[in-house]
Amino acid sequence: MPDVVNKFAAGSLLGTTKNAIRNTSIAITETSTPYVREVLTKQLNQDIKAHARIFNYMLSKGLYPSYNIDKVIQNDIKNANQVLKMKG
């Protein structure tokens, strides 16, 4: 079970950083203040680095085999089945 929790936590964190990158990028394009743009750009760069670290961690642990589409599909089906079991 710890592997499932670790996979879920890392995946959730990966998704959160992806959303932060998207939202910060949008904020940069909406601001008209150079200082705010600079602060947001620094934050964006930190978020990109964090995303890379999380992705590389997941890849190294076999939690996100993004370069093997068959394995990704198998994992998605397995995860969906686990969720269905938890619901019912």
Protein backbone atom coordinates (compact mmCIF):
# COMPACT_ATOMS: atom_id res chain seq x y z
CA MET A 1 0.00 0.00 0.00
CA PRO A 2 2.85 2.50 0.64
CA ASP A 3 3.77 2.28 -3.06
CA VAL A 4 0.21 3.22 -4.04
CA VAL A 5 0.25 6.15 -1.61
CA ASN A 6 3.68 7.24 -2.85
CA LYS A 7 2.51 7.03 -6.47
CA PHE A 8 -0.67 8.95 -5.72
CA ALA A 9 1.16 11.64 -3.72
CA ALA A 10 3.84 12.12 -6.36
CA GLY A 11 1.27 12.16 -9.16
CA SER A 12 -0.86 14.67 -7.29
CA LEU A 13 2.18 16.87 -6.69
CA LEU A 14 3.13 16.62 -10.36
CA GLY A 15 -0.36 17.74 -11.39
CA THR A 16 -0.29 20.58 -8.87
CA THR A 17 3.00 21.90 -10.21
CA LYS A 18 1.66 21.64 -13.76
CA ASN A 19 -1.32 23.76 -12.74
CA ALA A 20 0.96 26.26 -11.00
CA ILE A 21 3.03 26.57 -14.18
CA ARG A 22 -0.09 27.15 -16.26
CA ASN A 23 -1.59 29.68 -13.84
CA THR A 24 1.64 31.59 -13.35
CA SER A 25 2.13 31.78 -17.12
CA ILE A 26 -1.33 33.26 -17.50
CA ALA A 27 -0.67 35.74 -14.69
CA ILE A 28 2.54 36.89 -16.39
CA THR A 29 0.64 37.73 -19.56
CA GLU A 30 -2.03 39.63 -17.60
CA THR A 31 0.22 41.87 -15.52
CA SER A 32 1.31 45.30 -16.65
CA THR A 33 3.78 45.92 -13.83
CA PRO A 34 7.41 45.05 -14.64
CA TYR A 35 8.24 44.18 -11.02
CA VAL A 36 5.26 41.82 -10.70
CA ARG A 37 6.17 40.23 -14.04
CA GLU A 38 9.73 39.69 -12.79
CA VAL A 39 8.52 38.08 -9.55
CA LEU A 40 6.10 35.84 -11.42
CA THR A 41 8.79 34.84 -13.92
CA LYS A 42 11.07 33.77 -11.06
CA GLN A 43 8.20 31.77 -9.58
CA LEU A 44 7.50 30.18 -12.96
CA ASN A 45 11.13 29.08 -13.29
CA GLN A 46 11.04 27.57 -9.78
CA ASP A 47 7.82 25.73 -10.62
CA ILE A 48 9.34 24.35 -13.84
CA LYS A 49 12.36 23.07 -11.91
CA ALA A 50 10.10 21.50 -9.27
CA HIS A 51 8.03 19.81 -11.98
CA ALA A 52 11.18 18.38 -13.54
CA ARG A 53 12.39 17.05 -10.17
CA ILE A 54 9.04 15.39 -9.45
CA PHE A 55 8.80 13.94 -12.94
CA ASN A 56 12.35 12.56 -12.78
CA TYR A 57 11.65 11.06 -9.35
CA MET A 58 8.52 9.35 -10.65
CA LEU A 59 10.32 8.13 -13.76
CA SER A 60 13.25 6.75 -11.74
CA LYS A 61 10.87 4.87 -9.41
CA GLY A 62 8.81 3.47 -12.27
CA LEU A 63 5.78 5.48 -11.15
CA TYR A 64 5.31 7.29 -14.45
CA PRO A 65 6.59 5.35 -17.47
CA SER A 66 5.83 8.18 -19.88
CA TYR A 67 8.06 6.78 -22.61
CA ASN A 68 6.15 3.48 -22.78
CA ILE A 69 2.59 4.14 -23.95
CA ASP A 70 1.47 0.53 -23.47
CA LYS A 71 2.59 0.64 -19.84
CA VAL A 72 0.91 4.02 -19.33
CA ILE A 73 -2.39 2.59 -20.61
CA GLN A 74 -2.01 -0.54 -18.45
CA ASN A 75 -1.33 1.63 -15.39
CA ASP A 76 -4.33 3.85 -16.15
CA ILE A 77 -6.60 0.81 -16.38
CA LYS A 78 -5.15 -0.64 -13.17
CA ASN A 79 -5.61 2.70 -11.34
CA ALA A 80 -9.19 3.04 -12.60
CA ASN A 81 -9.99 -0.47 -11.38
CA GLN A 82 -8.48 0.30 -7.96
CA VAL A 83 -10.62 3.41 -7.68
CA LEU A 84 -13.73 1.45 -8.62
CA LYS A 85 -12.91 -1.14 -5.93
CA MET A 86 -12.52 1.60 -3.31
CA LYS A 87 -15.89 3.11 -4.22
CA GLY A 88 -17.86 -0.06 -4.05
